Amino acid sequence: MSIDCILFDLDGTLLDTSYDFAYALNQTCRDFNSPPLRYQALRQIVSQGGLAMIQLAFPQLKGEELESRKQHFLTLYFENIDHHTHIFSGLESGLQVLAEQQIPWGIVTNKPTWLTEKLLKNIHFPSPPNSVVCGDTLTVSKPDPAPLYLAAKQCHIDAKNCLYIGDHRRDIEAGMNAGMQTAGAMFGYLTDDDYDNPWPTKLFFETPYEMSQYFQHTFSK
């Protein structure tokens, strides 16, 4: 099957958001007199979302107290969302290929709209995404295939001709559920378990540069 469209997960695949997450989480720890977390420990769970991150910092909390702490963390993250976030180094040239060859591309993330829109406002891509589907755009999110179907529709490409790239097993499952081709971004926010239990896809990018080279080979005429 040909590849006529590229769809990216956001955190850990297209953008390195880990430093701003680390700042917000460790500032939350300081605000509540808890010890800060090591960056590497936090980086492994960024793709699992805000709840997982706050549970890592405050494993003893439950219920309303946990939710309140999460909202404190997310507010701090929102206020500092793009201080150190950037397109993964080495991926810019691949995005330039998509722009030059007029290849439609999009973002499918479980990040909520209020955070995604604030983040993307100050990120400059060689060409704008044809679709941005967030975790609350629909009533379901990845690994349900519906967000990916919507992205393909907005890009005017059949799902089977889309390549969905992500750094979490959930991304690969979502792509497979949608009948898309899939690829793993192995430079993203992976856990030890991700390496011990390989994902059900045949295409892996160990570095952003490998992804750019793949786009160059696939789309350059």
C-alpha atoms as a PDB file:
ATOM      1  CA  MET A   1       0.000   0.000   0.000  1.00  0.00           C
ATOM      2  CA  SER A   2       1.207   3.481  -0.782  1.00  0.00           C
ATOM      3  CA  ILE A   3       1.693   6.094   1.901  1.00  0.00           C
ATOM      4  CA  ASP A   4      -0.052   9.334   1.001  1.00  0.00           C
ATOM      5  CA  CYS A   5      -0.400  10.959   4.430  1.00  0.00           C
ATOM      6  CA  ILE A   6       1.593  11.104   7.667  1.00  0.00           C
ATOM      7  CA  LEU A   7      -0.145  11.291  11.042  1.00  0.00           C
ATOM      8  CA  PHE A   8       1.870  11.917  14.193  1.00  0.00           C
ATOM      9  CA  ASP A   9       1.295  11.454  17.862  1.00  0.00           C
ATOM     10  CA  LEU A  10       2.290  14.725  19.542  1.00  0.00           C
ATOM     11  CA  ASP A  11       4.237  14.306  22.809  1.00  0.00           C
ATOM     12  CA  GLY A  12       7.327  12.169  22.339  1.00  0.00           C
ATOM     13  CA  THR A  13       6.913  11.783  18.575  1.00  0.00           C
ATOM     14  CA  LEU A  14       6.573  15.171  16.926  1.00  0.00           C
ATOM     15  CA  LEU A  15       7.483  17.451  19.836  1.00  0.00           C
ATOM     16  CA  ASP A  16       9.798  17.002  22.796  1.00  0.00           C
ATOM     17  CA  THR A  17       7.572  18.339  25.563  1.00  0.00           C
ATOM     18  CA  SER A  18       9.344  16.578  28.422  1.00  0.00           C
ATOM     19  CA  TYR A  19      11.301  19.541  29.807  1.00  0.00           C
ATOM     20  CA  ASP A  20       8.250  21.712  30.339  1.00  0.00           C
ATOM     21  CA  PHE A  21       6.404  18.774  31.910  1.00  0.00           C
ATOM     22  CA  ALA A  22       9.376  18.186  34.202  1.00  0.00           C
ATOM     23  CA  TYR A  23       9.428  21.796  35.298  1.00  0.00           C
ATOM     24  CA  ALA A  24       5.684  21.849  36.055  1.00  0.00           C
ATOM     25  CA  LEU A  25       5.739  18.563  37.954  1.00  0.00           C
ATOM     26  CA  ASN A  26       8.787  19.401  40.049  1.00  0.00           C
ATOM     27  CA  GLN A  27       7.392  22.865  40.784  1.00  0.00           C
ATOM     28  CA  THR A  28       4.237  21.110  42.004  1.00  0.00           C
ATOM     29  CA  CYS A  29       6.427  18.943  44.231  1.00  0.00           C
ATOM     30  CA  ARG A  30       8.100  22.038  45.644  1.00  0.00           C
ATOM     31  CA  ASP A  31       4.735  23.725  46.204  1.00  0.00           C
ATOM     32  CA  PHE A  32       3.599  20.780  48.329  1.00  0.00           C
ATOM     33  CA  ASN A  33       6.910  20.115  50.094  1.00  0.00           C
ATOM     34  CA  SER A  34       7.690  16.864  48.269  1.00  0.00           C
ATOM     35  CA  PRO A  35      11.105  15.882  46.856  1.00  0.00           C
ATOM     36  CA  PRO A  36      11.608  16.534  43.142  1.00  0.00           C
ATOM     37  CA  LEU A  37      11.697  13.678  40.654  1.00  0.00           C
ATOM     38  CA  ARG A  38      14.576  12.642  38.441  1.00  0.00           C
ATOM     39  CA  TYR A  39      14.067  13.769  34.856  1.00  0.00           C
ATOM     40  CA  GLN A  40      14.620  10.280  33.424  1.00  0.00           C
ATOM     41  CA  ALA A  41      11.946   8.770  35.665  1.00  0.00           C
ATOM     42  CA  LEU A  42       9.446  11.389  34.596  1.00  0.00           C
ATOM     43  CA  ARG A  43      10.362  11.220  30.908  1.00  0.00           C
ATOM     44  CA  GLN A  44       9.326   7.569  30.702  1.00  0.00           C
ATOM     45  CA  ILE A  45       5.712   8.329  31.574  1.00  0.00           C
ATOM     46  CA  VAL A  46       5.004  11.603  29.770  1.00  0.00           C
ATOM     47  CA  SER A  47       3.036   9.748  27.092  1.00  0.00           C
ATOM     48  CA  GLN A  48       0.793   8.255  29.778  1.00  0.00           C
ATOM     49  CA  GLY A  49      -0.735  11.638  30.607  1.00  0.00           C
ATOM     50  CA  GLY A  50      -1.134  14.040  33.489  1.00  0.00           C
ATOM     51  CA  LEU A  51      -2.708  11.587  35.915  1.00  0.00           C
ATOM     52  CA  ALA A  52       0.181   9.136  35.588  1.00  0.00           C
ATOM     53  CA  MET A  53       2.691  11.913  36.146  1.00  0.00           C
ATOM     54  CA  ILE A  54       1.013  13.250  39.268  1.00  0.00           C
ATOM     55  CA  GLN A  55       0.615   9.710  40.629  1.00  0.00           C
ATOM     56  CA  LEU A  56       4.355   9.223  40.176  1.00  0.00           C
ATOM     57  CA  ALA A  57       5.024  12.311  42.280  1.00  0.00           C
ATOM     58  CA  PHE A  58       2.318  11.680  44.892  1.00  0.00           C
ATOM     59  CA  PRO A  59       1.627   7.917  45.007  1.00  0.00           C
ATOM     60  CA  GLN A  60      -0.129   8.178  48.368  1.00  0.00           C
ATOM     61  CA  LEU A  61      -2.914  10.472  47.136  1.00  0.00           C
ATOM     62  CA  LYS A  62      -6.366   9.357  45.997  1.00  0.00           C
ATOM     63  CA  GLY A  63      -9.744  10.795  45.104  1.00  0.00           C
ATOM     64  CA  GLU A  64     -10.395  14.530  45.298  1.00  0.00           C
ATOM     65  CA  GLU A  65      -6.968  15.322  46.733  1.00  0.00           C
ATOM     66  CA  LEU A  66      -5.262  13.584  43.808  1.00  0.00           C
ATOM     67  CA  GLU A  67      -7.497  15.398  41.319  1.00  0.00           C
ATOM     68  CA  SER A  68      -6.785  18.741  42.986  1.00  0.00           C
ATOM     69  CA  ARG A  69      -3.043  18.115  42.804  1.00  0.00           C
ATOM     70  CA  LYS A  70      -3.357  17.150  39.139  1.00  0.00           C
ATOM     71  CA  GLN A  71      -5.170  20.387  38.336  1.00  0.00           C
ATOM     72  CA  HIS A  72      -2.438  22.364  40.126  1.00  0.00           C
ATOM     73  CA  PHE A  73       0.171  20.576  37.995  1.00  0.00           C
ATOM     74  CA  LEU A  74      -1.746  21.104  34.732  1.00  0.00           C
ATOM     75  CA  THR A  75      -2.230  24.797  35.474  1.00  0.00           C
ATOM     76  CA  LEU A  76       1.514  25.176  35.967  1.00  0.00           C
ATOM     77  CA  TYR A  77       2.138  23.228  32.778  1.00  0.00           C
ATOM     78  CA  PHE A  78      -0.288  25.438  30.826  1.00  0.00           C
ATOM     79  CA  GLU A  79       1.473  28.558  32.087  1.00  0.00           C
ATOM     80  CA  ASN A  80       4.901  27.211  31.060  1.00  0.00           C
ATOM     81  CA  ILE A  81       3.891  24.983  28.160  1.00  0.00           C
ATOM     82  CA  ASP A  82       6.289  26.175  25.476  1.00  0.00           C
ATOM     83  CA  HIS A  83       9.357  27.465  27.289  1.00  0.00           C
ATOM     84  CA  HIS A  84      11.558  24.522  26.268  1.00  0.00           C
ATOM     85  CA  THR A  85       9.326  22.439  23.970  1.00  0.00           C
ATOM     86  CA  HIS A  86      10.578  22.011  20.419  1.00  0.00           C
ATOM     87  CA  ILE A  87      10.331  19.834  17.331  1.00  0.00           C
ATOM     88  CA  PHE A  88      12.617  16.866  17.883  1.00  0.00           C
ATOM     89  CA  SER A  89      16.072  17.684  16.556  1.00  0.00           C
ATOM     90  CA  GLY A  90      16.573  15.898  13.236  1.00  0.00           C
ATOM     91  CA  LEU A  91      12.896  15.875  12.323  1.00  0.00           C
ATOM     92  CA  GLU A  92      12.767  19.370  10.836  1.00  0.00           C
ATOM     93  CA  SER A  93      14.213  18.214   7.504  1.00  0.00           C
ATOM     94  CA  GLY A  94      11.561  15.487   7.266  1.00  0.00           C
ATOM     95  CA  LEU A  95       8.788  17.994   7.871  1.00  0.00           C
ATOM     96  CA  GLN A  96      10.352  20.166   5.180  1.00  0.00           C
ATOM     97  CA  VAL A  97      10.065  17.241   2.747  1.00  0.00           C
ATOM     98  CA  LEU A  98       6.356  16.926   3.547  1.00  0.00           C
ATOM     99  CA  ALA A  99       5.941  20.651   2.879  1.00  0.00           C
ATOM    100  CA  GLU A 100       7.898  20.654  -0.379  1.00  0.00           C
ATOM    101  CA  GLN A 101       6.087  17.587  -1.726  1.00  0.00           C
ATOM    102  CA  GLN A 102       2.701  18.842  -0.477  1.00  0.00           C
ATOM    103  CA  ILE A 103       2.101  15.670   1.523  1.00  0.00           C
ATOM    104  CA  PRO A 104      -0.898  16.055   3.854  1.00  0.00           C
ATOM    105  CA  TRP A 105      -0.089  15.471   7.483  1.00  0.00           C
ATOM    106  CA  GLY A 106      -1.787  15.719  10.831  1.00  0.00           C
ATOM    107  CA  ILE A 107      -1.631  15.233  14.580  1.00  0.00           C
ATOM    108  CA  VAL A 108      -3.675  12.749  16.605  1.00  0.00           C
ATOM    109  CA  THR A 109      -3.055  13.114  20.314  1.00  0.00           C
ATOM    110  CA  ASN A 110      -4.745  12.232  23.592  1.00  0.00           C
ATOM    111  CA  LYS A 111      -3.670  15.654  24.908  1.00  0.00           C
ATOM    112  CA  PRO A 112      -6.772  17.781  25.612  1.00  0.00           C
ATOM    113  CA  THR A 113      -7.657  20.633  23.279  1.00  0.00           C
ATOM    114  CA  TRP A 114      -6.954  23.455  25.760  1.00  0.00           C
ATOM    115  CA  LEU A 115      -3.353  22.306  26.149  1.00  0.00           C
ATOM    116  CA  THR A 116      -2.798  21.326  22.505  1.00  0.00           C
ATOM    117  CA  GLU A 117      -3.984  24.640  21.086  1.00  0.00           C
ATOM    118  CA  LYS A 118      -1.847  26.660  23.511  1.00  0.00           C
ATOM    119  CA  LEU A 119       1.190  24.521  22.701  1.00  0.00           C
ATOM    120  CA  LEU A 120       0.879  24.582  18.907  1.00  0.00           C
ATOM    121  CA  LYS A 121       0.290  28.341  18.802  1.00  0.00           C
ATOM    122  CA  ASN A 122       4.018  29.043  19.071  1.00  0.00           C
ATOM    123  CA  ILE A 123       5.401  26.023  17.202  1.00  0.00           C
ATOM    124  CA  HIS A 124       6.304  26.832  13.600  1.00  0.00           C
ATOM    125  CA  PHE A 125       6.149  23.970  11.093  1.00  0.00           C
ATOM    126  CA  PRO A 126       7.289  24.164   7.442  1.00  0.00           C
ATOM    127  CA  SER A 127       3.648  23.563   6.495  1.00  0.00           C
ATOM    128  CA  PRO A 128       0.604  23.633   8.779  1.00  0.00           C
ATOM    129  CA  PRO A 129      -1.052  20.346   9.772  1.00  0.00           C
ATOM    130  CA  ASN A 130      -4.150  19.450   7.780  1.00  0.00           C
ATOM    131  CA  SER A 131      -5.716  17.949  10.881  1.00  0.00           C
ATOM    132  CA  VAL A 132      -5.319  18.213  14.655  1.00  0.00           C
ATOM    133  CA  VAL A 133      -7.421  15.725  16.622  1.00  0.00           C
ATOM    134  CA  CYS A 134      -7.170  15.968  20.403  1.00  0.00           C
ATOM    135  CA  GLY A 135      -8.083  13.633  23.211  1.00  0.00           C
ATOM    136  CA  ASP A 136     -11.426  15.368  23.759  1.00  0.00           C
ATOM    137  CA  THR A 137     -12.296  16.149  20.126  1.00  0.00           C
ATOM    138  CA  LEU A 138     -14.510  13.050  20.134  1.00  0.00           C
ATOM    139  CA  THR A 139     -16.114  11.094  22.949  1.00  0.00           C
ATOM    140  CA  VAL A 140     -13.433   8.408  22.523  1.00  0.00           C
ATOM    141  CA  SER A 141      -9.645   8.579  22.296  1.00  0.00           C
ATOM    142  CA  LYS A 142      -6.761   6.312  21.297  1.00  0.00           C
ATOM    143  CA  PRO A 143      -6.527   3.331  21.053  1.00  0.00           C
ATOM    144  CA  ASP A 144     -10.058   3.698  19.642  1.00  0.00           C
ATOM    145  CA  PRO A 145      -9.659   4.201  15.870  1.00  0.00           C
ATOM    146  CA  ALA A 146     -12.254   6.996  15.589  1.00  0.00           C
ATOM    147  CA  PRO A 147      -9.775   9.895  16.098  1.00  0.00           C
ATOM    148  CA  LEU A 148      -7.530   8.464  13.394  1.00  0.00           C
ATOM    149  CA  TYR A 149     -10.453   8.018  11.000  1.00  0.00           C
ATOM    150  CA  LEU A 150     -11.354  11.666  11.570  1.00  0.00           C
ATOM    151  CA  ALA A 151      -7.797  12.809  10.890  1.00  0.00           C
ATOM    152  CA  ALA A 152      -7.652  10.793   7.656  1.00  0.00           C
ATOM    153  CA  LYS A 153     -10.978  12.273   6.570  1.00  0.00           C
ATOM    154  CA  GLN A 154      -9.777  15.814   7.267  1.00  0.00           C
ATOM    155  CA  CYS A 155      -6.626  15.083   5.253  1.00  0.00           C
ATOM    156  CA  HIS A 156      -8.790  13.648   2.412  1.00  0.00           C
ATOM    157  CA  ILE A 157      -6.841  10.382   2.399  1.00  0.00           C
ATOM    158  CA  ASP A 158      -8.093   6.811   2.867  1.00  0.00           C
ATOM    159  CA  ALA A 159      -7.082   5.417   6.240  1.00  0.00           C
ATOM    160  CA  LYS A 160      -5.221   2.514   4.635  1.00  0.00           C
ATOM    161  CA  ASN A 161      -2.915   4.985   2.903  1.00  0.00           C
ATOM    162  CA  CYS A 162      -1.986   6.821   6.118  1.00  0.00           C
ATOM    163  CA  LEU A 163       1.093   6.124   8.230  1.00  0.00           C
ATOM    164  CA  TYR A 164       0.528   6.756  11.934  1.00  0.00           C
ATOM    165  CA  ILE A 165       3.667   7.252  14.024  1.00  0.00           C
ATOM    166  CA  GLY A 166       3.721   7.157  17.826  1.00  0.00           C
ATOM    167  CA  ASP A 167       5.863   6.460  20.868  1.00  0.00           C
ATOM    168  CA  HIS A 168       3.368   4.345  22.847  1.00  0.00           C
ATOM    169  CA  ARG A 169       1.879   0.895  22.333  1.00  0.00           C
ATOM    170  CA  ARG A 170      -1.538   2.595  22.399  1.00  0.00           C
ATOM    171  CA  ASP A 171      -0.553   4.499  19.232  1.00  0.00           C
ATOM    172  CA  ILE A 172       0.322   1.342  17.359  1.00  0.00           C
ATOM    173  CA  GLU A 173      -2.910  -0.316  18.474  1.00  0.00           C
ATOM    174  CA  ALA A 174      -4.922   2.722  17.393  1.00  0.00           C
ATOM    175  CA  GLY A 175      -3.305   2.721  13.972  1.00  0.00           C
ATOM    176  CA  MET A 176      -3.907  -0.984  13.523  1.00  0.00           C
ATOM    177  CA  ASN A 177      -7.515  -0.615  14.660  1.00  0.00           C
ATOM    178  CA  ALA A 178      -7.981   2.036  11.976  1.00  0.00           C
ATOM    179  CA  GLY A 179      -6.395  -0.130   9.278  1.00  0.00           C
ATOM    180  CA  MET A 180      -3.480   2.267   8.920  1.00  0.00           C
ATOM    181  CA  GLN A 181       0.174   1.557   8.469  1.00  0.00           C
ATOM    182  CA  THR A 182       2.091   2.178  11.686  1.00  0.00           C
ATOM    183  CA  ALA A 183       5.565   3.044  12.929  1.00  0.00           C
ATOM    184  CA  GLY A 184       7.174   3.312  16.346  1.00  0.00           C
ATOM    185  CA  ALA A 185       9.063   6.439  17.415  1.00  0.00           C
ATOM    186  CA  MET A 186      11.629   4.698  19.583  1.00  0.00           C
ATOM    187  CA  PHE A 187      13.313   7.964  20.590  1.00  0.00           C
ATOM    188  CA  GLY A 188      10.173   8.983  22.477  1.00  0.00           C
ATOM    189  CA  TYR A 189       8.966   8.465  26.026  1.00  0.00           C
ATOM    190  CA  LEU A 190       9.334   4.695  26.286  1.00  0.00           C
ATOM    191  CA  THR A 191       9.424   2.563  29.404  1.00  0.00           C
ATOM    192  CA  ASP A 192      11.585  -0.495  30.012  1.00  0.00           C
ATOM    193  CA  ASP A 193       8.510  -2.642  29.328  1.00  0.00           C
ATOM    194  CA  ASP A 194       8.269  -1.199  25.808  1.00  0.00           C
ATOM    195  CA  TYR A 195      11.703  -2.605  25.029  1.00  0.00           C
ATOM    196  CA  ASP A 196      10.996  -5.949  26.698  1.00  0.00           C
ATOM    197  CA  ASN A 197       7.697  -6.440  24.841  1.00  0.00           C
ATOM    198  CA  PRO A 198       8.077  -5.329  21.214  1.00  0.00           C
ATOM    199  CA  TRP A 199       5.165  -3.559  19.558  1.00  0.00           C
ATOM    200  CA  PRO A 200       3.188  -5.206  16.717  1.00  0.00           C
ATOM    201  CA  THR A 201       4.594  -3.079  13.904  1.00  0.00           C
ATOM    202  CA  LYS A 202       7.357  -3.646  11.383  1.00  0.00           C
ATOM    203  CA  LEU A 203       8.594  -0.087  11.052  1.00  0.00           C
ATOM    204  CA  PHE A 204      10.619   1.603  13.785  1.00  0.00           C
ATOM    205  CA  PHE A 205      12.515   4.893  13.889  1.00  0.00           C
ATOM    206  CA  GLU A 206      15.349   4.899  16.404  1.00  0.00           C
ATOM    207  CA  THR A 207      16.039   8.603  15.896  1.00  0.00           C
ATOM    208  CA  PRO A 208      14.152  11.593  14.443  1.00  0.00           C
ATOM    209  CA  TYR A 209      16.797  11.734  11.717  1.00  0.00           C
ATOM    210  CA  GLU A 210      15.863   8.199  10.612  1.00  0.00           C
ATOM    211  CA  MET A 211      12.276   9.369  10.268  1.00  0.00           C
ATOM    212  CA  SER A 212      13.378  12.324   8.147  1.00  0.00           C
ATOM    213  CA  GLN A 213      15.431  10.034   5.927  1.00  0.00           C
ATOM    214  CA  TYR A 214      12.411   7.775   5.499  1.00  0.00           C
ATOM    215  CA  PHE A 215      10.292  10.731   4.363  1.00  0.00           C
ATOM    216  CA  GLN A 216      13.031  11.803   1.974  1.00  0.00           C
ATOM    217  CA  HIS A 217      13.217   8.322   0.444  1.00  0.00           C
ATOM    218  CA  THR A 218       9.440   7.867   0.298  1.00  0.00           C
ATOM    219  CA  PHE A 219       8.288  11.237  -1.004  1.00  0.00           C
ATOM    220  CA  SER A 220      11.125  13.010  -2.833  1.00  0.00           C
ATOM    221  CA  LYS A 221      10.790  12.839  -6.584  1.00  0.00           C
END
